[in-house]
Full PDB file with SEQRES, HELIX, SHEET, SSBOND, CRYST1, ORIGX, SCALE, CONECT and MASTER records, all heavy atoms in Angstrom:
SEQRES   1 A   42  LEU THR LEU ALA LEU PHE ALA LEU SER ILE THR PHE GLY          
SEQRES   2 A   42  ALA CYS LEU ALA VAL GLY LEU THR ALA MET ARG VAL SER          
SEQRES   3 A   42  ARG TYR LYS LEU LEU ASP ARG ILE ALA ARG ALA TYR VAL          
SEQRES   4 A   42  PHE VAL PHE                                                  
HELIX    1 AA1 THR A    2  ARG A   24  1                                  23    
HELIX    2 AA2 LYS A   29  VAL A   41  1                                  13    
CRYST1    1.000    1.000    1.000  90.00  90.00  90.00 P 1           1          
ORIGX1      1.000000  0.000000  0.000000        0.00000                         
ORIGX2      0.000000  1.000000  0.000000        0.00000                         
ORIGX3      0.000000  0.000000  1.000000        0.00000                         
SCALE1      1.000000  0.000000  0.000000        0.00000                         
SCALE2      0.000000  1.000000  0.000000        0.00000                         
SCALE3      0.000000  0.000000  1.000000        0.00000                         
ATOM      1  N   LEU A   1    -235.856  28.139 -50.873  1.00  0.00           N  
ATOM      2  CA  LEU A   1    -236.605  26.705 -50.723  1.00  0.00           C  
ATOM      3  C   LEU A   1    -237.788  26.683 -51.738  1.00  0.00           C  
ATOM      4  O   LEU A   1    -237.995  25.615 -52.335  1.00  0.00           O  
ATOM      5  CB  LEU A   1    -237.147  26.524 -49.359  1.00  0.00           C  
ATOM      6  CG  LEU A   1    -237.556  25.087 -48.975  1.00  0.00           C  
ATOM      7  CD1 LEU A   1    -236.469  24.055 -49.155  1.00  0.00           C  
ATOM      8  CD2 LEU A   1    -238.115  25.066 -47.532  1.00  0.00           C  
ATOM      9  N   THR A   2    -238.507  27.798 -51.886  1.00  0.00           N  
ATOM     10  CA  THR A   2    -239.633  27.740 -52.813  1.00  0.00           C  
ATOM     11  C   THR A   2    -239.053  27.611 -54.281  1.00  0.00           C  
ATOM     12  O   THR A   2    -239.620  26.883 -55.135  1.00  0.00           O  
ATOM     13  CB  THR A   2    -240.390  29.128 -52.768  1.00  0.00           C  
ATOM     14  OG1 THR A   2    -241.040  29.167 -51.516  1.00  0.00           O  
ATOM     15  CG2 THR A   2    -241.464  29.228 -53.802  1.00  0.00           C  
ATOM     16  N   LEU A   3    -237.983  28.361 -54.574  1.00  0.00           N  
ATOM     17  CA  LEU A   3    -237.424  28.205 -56.019  1.00  0.00           C  
ATOM     18  C   LEU A   3    -236.906  26.785 -56.173  1.00  0.00           C  
ATOM     19  O   LEU A   3    -236.873  26.328 -57.269  1.00  0.00           O  
ATOM     20  CB  LEU A   3    -236.277  29.264 -56.081  1.00  0.00           C  
ATOM     21  CG  LEU A   3    -236.751  30.676 -56.097  1.00  0.00           C  
ATOM     22  CD1 LEU A   3    -235.495  31.700 -56.164  1.00  0.00           C  
ATOM     23  CD2 LEU A   3    -237.779  31.006 -57.236  1.00  0.00           C  
ATOM     24  N   ALA A   4    -236.289  26.142 -55.146  1.00  0.00           N  
ATOM     25  CA  ALA A   4    -235.751  24.772 -55.330  1.00  0.00           C  
ATOM     26  C   ALA A   4    -236.843  23.888 -55.537  1.00  0.00           C  
ATOM     27  O   ALA A   4    -236.823  22.928 -56.415  1.00  0.00           O  
ATOM     28  CB  ALA A   4    -234.980  24.486 -54.095  1.00  0.00           C  
ATOM     29  N   LEU A   5    -238.076  24.019 -54.886  1.00  0.00           N  
ATOM     30  CA  LEU A   5    -239.168  23.228 -55.082  1.00  0.00           C  
ATOM     31  C   LEU A   5    -239.649  23.266 -56.540  1.00  0.00           C  
ATOM     32  O   LEU A   5    -239.878  22.309 -57.226  1.00  0.00           O  
ATOM     33  CB  LEU A   5    -240.284  23.640 -54.134  1.00  0.00           C  
ATOM     34  CG  LEU A   5    -240.376  22.988 -52.744  1.00  0.00           C  
ATOM     35  CD1 LEU A   5    -241.555  23.649 -51.954  1.00  0.00           C  
ATOM     36  CD2 LEU A   5    -240.599  21.494 -52.802  1.00  0.00           C  
ATOM     37  N   PHE A   6    -239.679  24.584 -56.978  1.00  0.00           N  
ATOM     38  CA  PHE A   6    -240.193  24.844 -58.387  1.00  0.00           C  
ATOM     39  C   PHE A   6    -239.214  24.203 -59.377  1.00  0.00           C  
ATOM     40  O   PHE A   6    -239.648  23.490 -60.317  1.00  0.00           O  
ATOM     41  CB  PHE A   6    -240.319  26.283 -58.711  1.00  0.00           C  
ATOM     42  CG  PHE A   6    -240.487  26.697 -60.086  1.00  0.00           C  
ATOM     43  CD1 PHE A   6    -241.709  26.346 -60.703  1.00  0.00           C  
ATOM     44  CD2 PHE A   6    -239.493  27.321 -60.717  1.00  0.00           C  
ATOM     45  CE1 PHE A   6    -241.801  26.724 -61.994  1.00  0.00           C  
ATOM     46  CE2 PHE A   6    -239.702  27.622 -62.059  1.00  0.00           C  
ATOM     47  CZ  PHE A   6    -240.811  27.306 -62.760  1.00  0.00           C  
ATOM     48  N   ALA A   7    -237.911  24.466 -59.279  1.00  0.00           N  
ATOM     49  CA  ALA A   7    -236.948  24.051 -60.156  1.00  0.00           C  
ATOM     50  C   ALA A   7    -236.754  22.534 -60.312  1.00  0.00           C  
ATOM     51  O   ALA A   7    -236.830  21.982 -61.314  1.00  0.00           O  
ATOM     52  CB  ALA A   7    -235.572  24.716 -59.874  1.00  0.00           C  
ATOM     53  N   LEU A   8    -236.779  21.889 -59.123  1.00  0.00           N  
ATOM     54  CA  LEU A   8    -236.664  20.388 -59.204  1.00  0.00           C  
ATOM     55  C   LEU A   8    -237.906  19.752 -59.695  1.00  0.00           C  
ATOM     56  O   LEU A   8    -237.864  18.803 -60.547  1.00  0.00           O  
ATOM     57  CB  LEU A   8    -236.387  19.940 -57.713  1.00  0.00           C  
ATOM     58  CG  LEU A   8    -234.971  20.248 -57.172  1.00  0.00           C  
ATOM     59  CD1 LEU A   8    -234.873  19.833 -55.720  1.00  0.00           C  
ATOM     60  CD2 LEU A   8    -233.868  19.559 -58.060  1.00  0.00           C  
ATOM     61  N   SER A   9    -239.055  20.230 -59.311  1.00  0.00           N  
ATOM     62  CA  SER A   9    -240.352  19.657 -59.762  1.00  0.00           C  
ATOM     63  C   SER A   9    -240.520  19.798 -61.312  1.00  0.00           C  
ATOM     64  O   SER A   9    -240.983  18.964 -62.015  1.00  0.00           O  
ATOM     65  CB  SER A   9    -241.546  20.187 -59.021  1.00  0.00           C  
ATOM     66  OG  SER A   9    -241.654  21.624 -59.179  1.00  0.00           O  
ATOM     67  N   ILE A  10    -240.171  20.998 -61.782  1.00  0.00           N  
ATOM     68  CA  ILE A  10    -240.264  21.221 -63.212  1.00  0.00           C  
ATOM     69  C   ILE A  10    -239.378  20.463 -64.021  1.00  0.00           C  
ATOM     70  O   ILE A  10    -239.660  19.878 -65.100  1.00  0.00           O  
ATOM     71  CB  ILE A  10    -240.142  22.753 -63.599  1.00  0.00           C  
ATOM     72  CG1 ILE A  10    -241.441  23.520 -63.166  1.00  0.00           C  
ATOM     73  CG2 ILE A  10    -239.744  23.054 -64.942  1.00  0.00           C  
ATOM     74  CD1 ILE A  10    -242.594  23.328 -64.132  1.00  0.00           C  
ATOM     75  N   THR A  11    -238.163  20.311 -63.525  1.00  0.00           N  
ATOM     76  CA  THR A  11    -237.154  19.537 -64.245  1.00  0.00           C  
ATOM     77  C   THR A  11    -237.443  18.090 -64.352  1.00  0.00           C  
ATOM     78  O   THR A  11    -237.493  17.444 -65.409  1.00  0.00           O  
ATOM     79  CB  THR A  11    -235.745  19.725 -63.493  1.00  0.00           C  
ATOM     80  OG1 THR A  11    -235.324  21.027 -63.494  1.00  0.00           O  
ATOM     81  CG2 THR A  11    -234.638  18.911 -64.211  1.00  0.00           C  
ATOM     82  N   PHE A  12    -237.790  17.427 -63.138  1.00  0.00           N  
ATOM     83  CA  PHE A  12    -238.119  16.005 -63.120  1.00  0.00           C  
ATOM     84  C   PHE A  12    -239.494  15.889 -63.803  1.00  0.00           C  
ATOM     85  O   PHE A  12    -239.604  14.761 -64.580  1.00  0.00           O  
ATOM     86  CB  PHE A  12    -238.223  15.613 -61.622  1.00  0.00           C  
ATOM     87  CG  PHE A  12    -236.910  15.560 -60.977  1.00  0.00           C  
ATOM     88  CD1 PHE A  12    -236.876  15.824 -59.595  1.00  0.00           C  
ATOM     89  CD2 PHE A  12    -235.763  15.213 -61.609  1.00  0.00           C  
ATOM     90  CE1 PHE A  12    -235.617  15.813 -59.001  1.00  0.00           C  
ATOM     91  CE2 PHE A  12    -234.551  15.226 -60.900  1.00  0.00           C  
ATOM     92  CZ  PHE A  12    -234.523  15.522 -59.586  1.00  0.00           C  
ATOM     93  N   GLY A  13    -240.412  16.747 -63.732  1.00  0.00           N  
ATOM     94  CA  GLY A  13    -241.691  16.660 -64.402  1.00  0.00           C  
ATOM     95  C   GLY A  13    -241.546  16.693 -65.906  1.00  0.00           C  
ATOM     96  O   GLY A  13    -242.213  15.972 -66.656  1.00  0.00           O  
ATOM     97  N   ALA A  14    -240.584  17.598 -66.334  1.00  0.00           N  
ATOM     98  CA  ALA A  14    -240.442  17.664 -67.857  1.00  0.00           C  
ATOM     99  C   ALA A  14    -239.796  16.378 -68.420  1.00  0.00           C  
ATOM    100  O   ALA A  14    -240.199  15.962 -69.510  1.00  0.00           O  
ATOM    101  CB  ALA A  14    -239.642  18.961 -68.185  1.00  0.00           C  
ATOM    102  N   CYS A  15    -238.931  15.865 -67.689  1.00  0.00           N  
ATOM    103  CA  CYS A  15    -238.230  14.634 -68.099  1.00  0.00           C  
ATOM    104  C   CYS A  15    -239.212  13.511 -68.153  1.00  0.00           C  
ATOM    105  O   CYS A  15    -239.195  12.710 -69.140  1.00  0.00           O  
ATOM    106  CB  CYS A  15    -237.077  14.177 -67.159  1.00  0.00           C  
ATOM    107  SG  CYS A  15    -235.655  15.426 -67.171  1.00  0.00           S  
ATOM    108  N   LEU A  16    -240.059  13.352 -67.203  1.00  0.00           N  
ATOM    109  CA  LEU A  16    -241.020  12.335 -67.204  1.00  0.00           C  
ATOM    110  C   LEU A  16    -242.041  12.586 -68.287  1.00  0.00           C  
ATOM    111  O   LEU A  16    -242.533  11.633 -68.914  1.00  0.00           O  
ATOM    112  CB  LEU A  16    -241.785  12.266 -65.757  1.00  0.00           C  
ATOM    113  CG  LEU A  16    -242.834  11.284 -65.618  1.00  0.00           C  
ATOM    114  CD1 LEU A  16    -242.317   9.900 -65.823  1.00  0.00           C  
ATOM    115  CD2 LEU A  16    -243.464  11.327 -64.184  1.00  0.00           C  
ATOM    116  N   ALA A  17    -242.390  13.840 -68.532  1.00  0.00           N  
ATOM    117  CA  ALA A  17    -243.393  14.199 -69.540  1.00  0.00           C  
ATOM    118  C   ALA A  17    -242.859  13.819 -70.929  1.00  0.00           C  
ATOM    119  O   ALA A  17    -243.555  13.421 -71.821  1.00  0.00           O  
ATOM    120  CB  ALA A  17    -243.678  15.579 -69.500  1.00  0.00           C  
ATOM    121  N   VAL A  18    -241.547  13.907 -71.175  1.00  0.00           N  
ATOM    122  CA  VAL A  18    -240.990  13.561 -72.419  1.00  0.00           C  
ATOM    123  C   VAL A  18    -241.112  12.019 -72.701  1.00  0.00           C  
ATOM    124  O   VAL A  18    -241.576  11.689 -73.820  1.00  0.00           O  
ATOM    125  CB  VAL A  18    -239.395  14.010 -72.512  1.00  0.00           C  
ATOM    126  CG1 VAL A  18    -238.797  13.442 -73.755  1.00  0.00           C  
ATOM    127  CG2 VAL A  18    -239.264  15.507 -72.574  1.00  0.00           C  
ATOM    128  N   GLY A  19    -240.922  11.263 -71.713  1.00  0.00           N  
ATOM    129  CA  GLY A  19    -241.111   9.793 -71.801  1.00  0.00           C  
ATOM    130  C   GLY A  19    -242.498   9.453 -72.050  1.00  0.00           C  
ATOM    131  O   GLY A  19    -242.859   8.550 -72.919  1.00  0.00           O  
ATOM    132  N   LEU A  20    -243.396  10.096 -71.375  1.00  0.00           N  
ATOM    133  CA  LEU A  20    -244.849   9.857 -71.452  1.00  0.00           C  
ATOM    134  C   LEU A  20    -245.426  10.329 -72.756  1.00  0.00           C  
ATOM    135  O   LEU A  20    -246.315   9.631 -73.408  1.00  0.00           O  
ATOM    136  CB  LEU A  20    -245.691  10.560 -70.311  1.00  0.00           C  
ATOM    137  CG  LEU A  20    -245.492   9.929 -68.926  1.00  0.00           C  
ATOM    138  CD1 LEU A  20    -246.124  10.869 -67.893  1.00  0.00           C  
ATOM    139  CD2 LEU A  20    -246.074   8.598 -68.860  1.00  0.00           C  
ATOM    140  N   THR A  21    -244.926  11.449 -73.280  1.00  0.00           N  
ATOM    141  CA  THR A  21    -245.221  11.931 -74.634  1.00  0.00           C  
ATOM    142  C   THR A  21    -244.828  10.880 -75.679  1.00  0.00           C  
ATOM    143  O   THR A  21    -245.590  10.589 -76.625  1.00  0.00           O  
ATOM    144  CB  THR A  21    -244.602  13.264 -74.944  1.00  0.00           C  
ATOM    145  OG1 THR A  21    -244.971  14.234 -73.857  1.00  0.00           O  
ATOM    146  CG2 THR A  21    -245.038  13.863 -76.227  1.00  0.00           C  
ATOM    147  N   ALA A  22    -243.572  10.381 -75.596  1.00  0.00           N  
ATOM    148  CA  ALA A  22    -243.113   9.316 -76.481  1.00  0.00           C  
ATOM    149  C   ALA A  22    -244.144   8.150 -76.385  1.00  0.00           C  
ATOM    150  O   ALA A  22    -244.433   7.539 -77.493  1.00  0.00           O  
ATOM    151  CB  ALA A  22    -241.707   8.867 -76.229  1.00  0.00           C  
ATOM    152  N   MET A  23    -244.543   7.824 -75.322  1.00  0.00           N  
ATOM    153  CA  MET A  23    -245.590   6.645 -75.149  1.00  0.00           C  
ATOM    154  C   MET A  23    -246.934   7.000 -75.856  1.00  0.00           C  
ATOM    155  O   MET A  23    -247.551   6.226 -76.419  1.00  0.00           O  
ATOM    156  CB  MET A  23    -245.740   6.267 -73.715  1.00  0.00           C  
ATOM    157  CG  MET A  23    -244.448   5.738 -73.079  1.00  0.00           C  
ATOM    158  SD  MET A  23    -244.597   5.564 -71.172  1.00  0.00           S  
ATOM    159  CE  MET A  23    -245.957   4.368 -71.123  1.00  0.00           C  
ATOM    160  N   ARG A  24    -247.351   8.241 -75.610  1.00  0.00           N  
ATOM    161  CA  ARG A  24    -248.634   8.676 -76.126  1.00  0.00           C  
ATOM    162  C   ARG A  24    -248.606   8.706 -77.669  1.00  0.00           C  
ATOM    163  O   ARG A  24    -249.720   8.419 -78.301  1.00  0.00           O  
ATOM    164  CB  ARG A  24    -248.945  10.125 -75.626  1.00  0.00           C  
ATOM    165  CG  ARG A  24    -249.434  10.224 -74.260  1.00  0.00           C  
ATOM    166  CD  ARG A  24    -250.847   9.677 -74.075  1.00  0.00           C  
ATOM    167  NE  ARG A  24    -251.809  10.720 -74.468  1.00  0.00           N  
ATOM    168  CZ  ARG A  24    -252.719  10.474 -75.404  1.00  0.00           C  
ATOM    169  NH1 ARG A  24    -252.697   9.364 -76.138  1.00  0.00           N  
ATOM    170  NH2 ARG A  24    -253.587  11.400 -75.738  1.00  0.00           N  
ATOM    171  N   VAL A  25    -247.551   8.973 -78.320  1.00  0.00           N  
ATOM    172  CA  VAL A  25    -247.465   8.953 -79.715  1.00  0.00           C  
ATOM    173  C   VAL A  25    -246.905   7.785 -80.343  1.00  0.00           C  
ATOM    174  O   VAL A  25    -246.639   7.548 -81.567  1.00  0.00           O  
ATOM    175  CB  VAL A  25    -246.700  10.221 -80.287  1.00  0.00           C  
ATOM    176  CG1 VAL A  25    -247.281  11.568 -79.780  1.00  0.00           C  
ATOM    177  CG2 VAL A  25    -245.231  10.128 -79.800  1.00  0.00           C  
ATOM    178  N   SER A  26    -246.709   6.719 -79.456  1.00  0.00           N  
ATOM    179  CA  SER A  26    -246.152   5.453 -79.958  1.00  0.00           C  
ATOM    180  C   SER A  26    -247.201   4.588 -80.685  1.00  0.00           C  
ATOM    181  O   SER A  26    -248.404   4.832 -80.525  1.00  0.00           O  
ATOM    182  CB  SER A  26    -245.642   4.660 -78.662  1.00  0.00           C  
ATOM    183  OG  SER A  26    -245.376   3.392 -79.121  1.00  0.00           O  
ATOM    184  N   ARG A  27    -246.738   3.825 -81.648  1.00  0.00           N  
ATOM    185  CA  ARG A  27    -247.631   2.952 -82.345  1.00  0.00           C  
ATOM    186  C   ARG A  27    -248.051   1.725 -81.565  1.00  0.00           C  
ATOM    187  O   ARG A  27    -248.937   0.980 -82.026  1.00  0.00           O  
ATOM    188  CB  ARG A  27    -246.912   2.548 -83.598  1.00  0.00           C  
ATOM    189  CG  ARG A  27    -245.650   1.735 -83.478  1.00  0.00           C  
ATOM    190  CD  ARG A  27    -244.922   1.476 -84.763  1.00  0.00           C  
ATOM    191  NE  ARG A  27    -243.699   0.704 -84.627  1.00  0.00           N  
ATOM    192  CZ  ARG A  27    -242.908   0.347 -85.610  1.00  0.00           C  
ATOM    193  NH1 ARG A  27    -243.278   0.652 -86.778  1.00  0.00           N  
ATOM    194  NH2 ARG A  27    -241.788  -0.308 -85.321  1.00  0.00           N  
ATOM    195  N   TYR A  28    -247.461   1.514 -80.440  1.00  0.00           N  
ATOM    196  CA  TYR A  28    -247.793   0.472 -79.528  1.00  0.00           C  
ATOM    197  C   TYR A  28    -248.983   0.848 -78.666  1.00  0.00           C  
ATOM    198  O   TYR A  28    -248.831   1.725 -77.838  1.00  0.00           O  
ATOM    199  CB  TYR A  28    -246.586  -0.051 -78.792  1.00  0.00           C  
ATOM    200  CG  TYR A  28    -245.417  -0.605 -79.602  1.00  0.00           C  
ATOM    201  CD1 TYR A  28    -244.299   0.307 -79.675  1.00  0.00           C  
ATOM    202  CD2 TYR A  28    -245.520  -1.735 -80.213  1.00  0.00           C  
ATOM    203  CE1 TYR A  28    -243.184  -0.120 -80.428  1.00  0.00           C  
ATOM    204  CE2 TYR A  28    -244.422  -2.138 -81.008  1.00  0.00           C  
ATOM    205  CZ  TYR A  28    -243.342  -1.338 -81.134  1.00  0.00           C  
ATOM    206  OH  TYR A  28    -242.306  -1.772 -81.909  1.00  0.00           O  
ATOM    207  N   LYS A  29    -250.055   0.191 -78.755  1.00  0.00           N  
ATOM    208  CA  LYS A  29    -251.277   0.638 -78.034  1.00  0.00           C  
ATOM    209  C   LYS A  29    -251.146   0.449 -76.554  1.00  0.00           C  
ATOM    210  O   LYS A  29    -251.660   1.206 -75.830  1.00  0.00           O  
ATOM    211  CB  LYS A  29    -252.521  -0.366 -78.496  1.00  0.00           C  
ATOM    212  CG  LYS A  29    -252.954  -0.211 -79.964  1.00  0.00           C  
ATOM    213  CD  LYS A  29    -253.421   1.286 -80.227  1.00  0.00           C  
ATOM    214  CE  LYS A  29    -253.830   1.456 -81.627  1.00  0.00           C  
ATOM    215  NZ  LYS A  29    -254.317   2.830 -81.927  1.00  0.00           N  
ATOM    216  N   LEU A  30    -250.355  -0.534 -76.063  1.00  0.00           N  
ATOM    217  CA  LEU A  30    -250.203  -0.680 -74.592  1.00  0.00           C  
ATOM    218  C   LEU A  30    -249.521   0.500 -73.939  1.00  0.00           C  
ATOM    219  O   LEU A  30    -249.911   1.039 -72.938  1.00  0.00           O  
ATOM    220  CB  LEU A  30    -249.428  -2.015 -74.363  1.00  0.00           C  
ATOM    221  CG  LEU A  30    -249.066  -2.304 -72.835  1.00  0.00           C  
ATOM    222  CD1 LEU A  30    -250.395  -2.464 -72.116  1.00  0.00           C  
ATOM    223  CD2 LEU A  30    -248.249  -3.453 -72.766  1.00  0.00           C  
ATOM    224  N   LEU A  31    -248.438   0.945 -74.603  1.00  0.00           N  
ATOM    225  CA  LEU A  31    -247.779   2.067 -74.105  1.00  0.00           C  
ATOM    226  C   LEU A  31    -248.713   3.358 -74.181  1.00  0.00           C  
ATOM    227  O   LEU A  31    -248.626   4.112 -73.137  1.00  0.00           O  
ATOM    228  CB  LEU A  31    -246.501   2.389 -74.924  1.00  0.00           C  
ATOM    229  CG  LEU A  31    -245.397   1.381 -75.003  1.00  0.00           C  
ATOM    230  CD1 LEU A  31    -244.210   1.699 -75.785  1.00  0.00           C  
ATOM    231  CD2 LEU A  31    -244.903   1.083 -73.485  1.00  0.00           C  
ATOM    232  N   ASP A  32    -249.386   3.535 -75.160  1.00  0.00           N  
ATOM    233  CA  ASP A  32    -250.347   4.610 -75.271  1.00  0.00           C  
ATOM    234  C   ASP A  32    -251.296   4.495 -74.135  1.00  0.00           C  
ATOM    235  O   ASP A  32    -251.676   5.507 -73.541  1.00  0.00           O  
ATOM    236  CB  ASP A  32    -251.038   4.585 -76.598  1.00  0.00           C  
ATOM    237  CG  ASP A  32    -251.997   5.769 -76.723  1.00  0.00           C  
ATOM    238  OD1 ASP A  32    -251.716   6.850 -76.344  1.00  0.00           O  
ATOM    239  OD2 ASP A  32    -253.083   5.556 -77.419  1.00  0.00           O  
ATOM    240  N   ARG A  33    -251.913   3.416 -73.908  1.00  0.00           N  
ATOM    241  CA  ARG A  33    -252.961   3.248 -72.864  1.00  0.00           C  
ATOM    242  C   ARG A  33    -252.378   3.530 -71.458  1.00  0.00           C  
ATOM    243  O   ARG A  33    -253.020   4.101 -70.489  1.00  0.00           O  
ATOM    244  CB  ARG A  33    -253.529   1.911 -72.923  1.00  0.00           C  
ATOM    245  CG  ARG A  33    -254.389   1.611 -74.215  1.00  0.00           C  
ATOM    246  CD  ARG A  33    -254.995   0.347 -74.237  1.00  0.00           C  
ATOM    247  NE  ARG A  33    -255.779   0.130 -75.418  1.00  0.00           N  
ATOM    248  CZ  ARG A  33    -256.391  -1.027 -75.901  1.00  0.00           C  
ATOM    249  NH1 ARG A  33    -256.167  -2.152 -75.119  1.00  0.00           N  
ATOM    250  NH2 ARG A  33    -257.059  -1.062 -76.952  1.00  0.00           N  
ATOM    251  N   ILE A  34    -251.175   3.075 -71.177  1.00  0.00           N  
ATOM    252  CA  ILE A  34    -250.509   3.326 -69.890  1.00  0.00           C  
ATOM    253  C   ILE A  34    -250.326   4.860 -69.739  1.00  0.00           C  
ATOM    254  O   ILE A  34    -250.615   5.411 -68.586  1.00  0.00           O  
ATOM    255  CB  ILE A  34    -249.164   2.586 -69.797  1.00  0.00           C  
ATOM    256  CG1 ILE A  34    -249.372   1.035 -69.718  1.00  0.00           C  
ATOM    257  CG2 ILE A  34    -248.389   3.030 -68.561  1.00  0.00           C  
ATOM    258  CD1 ILE A  34    -248.094   0.306 -69.819  1.00  0.00           C  
ATOM    259  N   ALA A  35    -249.905   5.539 -70.735  1.00  0.00           N  
ATOM    260  CA  ALA A  35    -249.608   6.943 -70.644  1.00  0.00           C  
ATOM    261  C   ALA A  35    -250.962   7.741 -70.514  1.00  0.00           C  
ATOM    262  O   ALA A  35    -251.163   8.658 -69.658  1.00  0.00           O  
ATOM    263  CB  ALA A  35    -248.917   7.532 -71.865  1.00  0.00           C  
ATOM    264  N   ARG A  36    -252.035   7.258 -71.125  1.00  0.00           N  
ATOM    265  CA  ARG A  36    -253.338   7.797 -71.048  1.00  0.00           C  
ATOM    266  C   ARG A  36    -253.810   7.654 -69.586  1.00  0.00           C  
ATOM    267  O   ARG A  36    -254.520   8.568 -69.049  1.00  0.00           O  
ATOM    268  CB  ARG A  36    -254.275   7.132 -72.046  1.00  0.00           C  
ATOM    269  CG  ARG A  36    -254.164   7.586 -73.414  1.00  0.00           C  
ATOM    270  CD  ARG A  36    -255.155   6.755 -74.312  1.00  0.00           C  
ATOM    271  NE  ARG A  36    -255.018   7.132 -75.741  1.00  0.00           N  
ATOM    272  CZ  ARG A  36    -255.910   8.053 -76.256  1.00  0.00           C  
ATOM    273  NH1 ARG A  36    -256.841   8.546 -75.604  1.00  0.00           N  
ATOM    274  NH2 ARG A  36    -255.711   8.314 -77.555  1.00  0.00           N  
ATOM    275  N   ALA A  37    -253.688   6.449 -68.978  1.00  0.00           N  
ATOM    276  CA  ALA A  37    -254.189   6.220 -67.676  1.00  0.00           C  
ATOM    277  C   ALA A  37    -253.409   7.144 -66.612  1.00  0.00           C  
ATOM    278  O   ALA A  37    -254.013   7.688 -65.759  1.00  0.00           O  
ATOM    279  CB  ALA A  37    -253.951   4.783 -67.278  1.00  0.00           C  
ATOM    280  N   TYR A  38    -252.120   7.310 -66.830  1.00  0.00           N  
ATOM    281  CA  TYR A  38    -251.333   8.179 -65.976  1.00  0.00           C  
ATOM    282  C   TYR A  38    -251.841   9.588 -66.077  1.00  0.00           C  
ATOM    283  O   TYR A  38    -252.076  10.249 -65.004  1.00  0.00           O  
ATOM    284  CB  TYR A  38    -249.859   8.164 -66.338  1.00  0.00           C  
ATOM    285  CG  TYR A  38    -248.945   9.036 -65.603  1.00  0.00           C  
ATOM    286  CD1 TYR A  38    -248.342   8.561 -64.380  1.00  0.00           C  
ATOM    287  CD2 TYR A  38    -248.825  10.357 -65.870  1.00  0.00           C  
ATOM    288  CE1 TYR A  38    -247.575   9.411 -63.623  1.00  0.00           C  
ATOM    289  CE2 TYR A  38    -248.116  11.179 -65.169  1.00  0.00           C  
ATOM    290  CZ  TYR A  38    -247.380  10.707 -64.045  1.00  0.00           C  
ATOM    291  OH  TYR A  38    -246.602  11.610 -63.282  1.00  0.00           O  
ATOM    292  N   VAL A  39    -252.044  10.097 -67.194  1.00  0.00           N  
ATOM    293  CA  VAL A  39    -252.571  11.500 -67.403  1.00  0.00           C  
ATOM    294  C   VAL A  39    -253.930  11.661 -66.793  1.00  0.00           C  
ATOM    295  O   VAL A  39    -254.194  12.612 -66.127  1.00  0.00           O  
ATOM    296  CB  VAL A  39    -252.588  11.823 -68.926  1.00  0.00           C  
ATOM    297  CG1 VAL A  39    -253.334  13.197 -69.141  1.00  0.00           C  
ATOM    298  CG2 VAL A  39    -251.133  11.876 -69.467  1.00  0.00           C  
ATOM    299  N   PHE A  40    -254.828  10.588 -66.996  1.00  0.00           N  
ATOM    300  CA  PHE A  40    -256.154  10.739 -66.439  1.00  0.00           C  
ATOM    301  C   PHE A  40    -256.136  10.640 -64.933  1.00  0.00           C  
ATOM    302  O   PHE A  40    -256.902  11.626 -64.340  1.00  0.00           O  
ATOM    303  CB  PHE A  40    -256.964   9.445 -66.882  1.00  0.00           C  
ATOM    304  CG  PHE A  40    -258.281   9.350 -66.304  1.00  0.00           C  
ATOM    305  CD1 PHE A  40    -259.372  10.209 -66.742  1.00  0.00           C  
ATOM    306  CD2 PHE A  40    -258.554   8.483 -65.274  1.00  0.00           C  
ATOM    307  CE1 PHE A  40    -260.576  10.112 -66.070  1.00  0.00           C  
ATOM    308  CE2 PHE A  40    -259.839   8.452 -64.682  1.00  0.00           C  
ATOM    309  CZ  PHE A  40    -260.814   9.157 -65.020  1.00  0.00           C  
ATOM    310  N   VAL A  41    -255.352   9.900 -64.330  1.00  0.00           N  
ATOM    311  CA  VAL A  41    -255.283   9.911 -62.839  1.00  0.00           C  
ATOM    312  C   VAL A  41    -254.732  11.143 -62.249  1.00  0.00           C  
ATOM    313  O   VAL A  41    -255.318  11.756 -61.320  1.00  0.00           O  
ATOM    314  CB  VAL A  41    -254.434   8.716 -62.342  1.00  0.00           C  
ATOM    315  CG1 VAL A  41    -254.175   8.771 -60.825  1.00  0.00           C  
ATOM    316  CG2 VAL A  41    -255.106   7.404 -62.598  1.00  0.00           C  
ATOM    317  N   PHE A  42    -253.614  11.687 -62.810  1.00  0.00           N  
ATOM    318  CA  PHE A  42    -252.980  12.829 -62.090  1.00  0.00           C  
ATOM    319  C   PHE A  42    -253.553  14.207 -62.647  1.00  0.00           C  
ATOM    320  O   PHE A  42    -253.484  15.130 -61.868  1.00  0.00           O  
ATOM    321  CB  PHE A  42    -251.437  12.863 -62.454  1.00  0.00           C  
ATOM    322  CG  PHE A  42    -250.692  11.870 -61.573  1.00  0.00           C  
ATOM    323  CD1 PHE A  42    -250.520  10.589 -62.066  1.00  0.00           C  
ATOM    324  CD2 PHE A  42    -250.219  12.169 -60.373  1.00  0.00           C  
ATOM    325  CE1 PHE A  42    -249.788   9.660 -61.337  1.00  0.00           C  
ATOM    326  CE2 PHE A  42    -249.555  11.332 -59.539  1.00  0.00           C  
ATOM    327  CZ  PHE A  42    -249.280   9.944 -60.065  1.00  0.00           C  
TER     328      PHE A  42                                                      
MASTER        0    0    0    2    0    0    0    6  327    1    0    4          
END                                                                             
């Protein structure tokens, strides 16, 4: 159960992080600000 928690959270977290990273390096300021706010909160 511990390993399942780790594997699922890392997998979903990495997939979400890839999208957020694309928003952070995007040339569109709105996407960058949304990603910045998410990172700041969590």
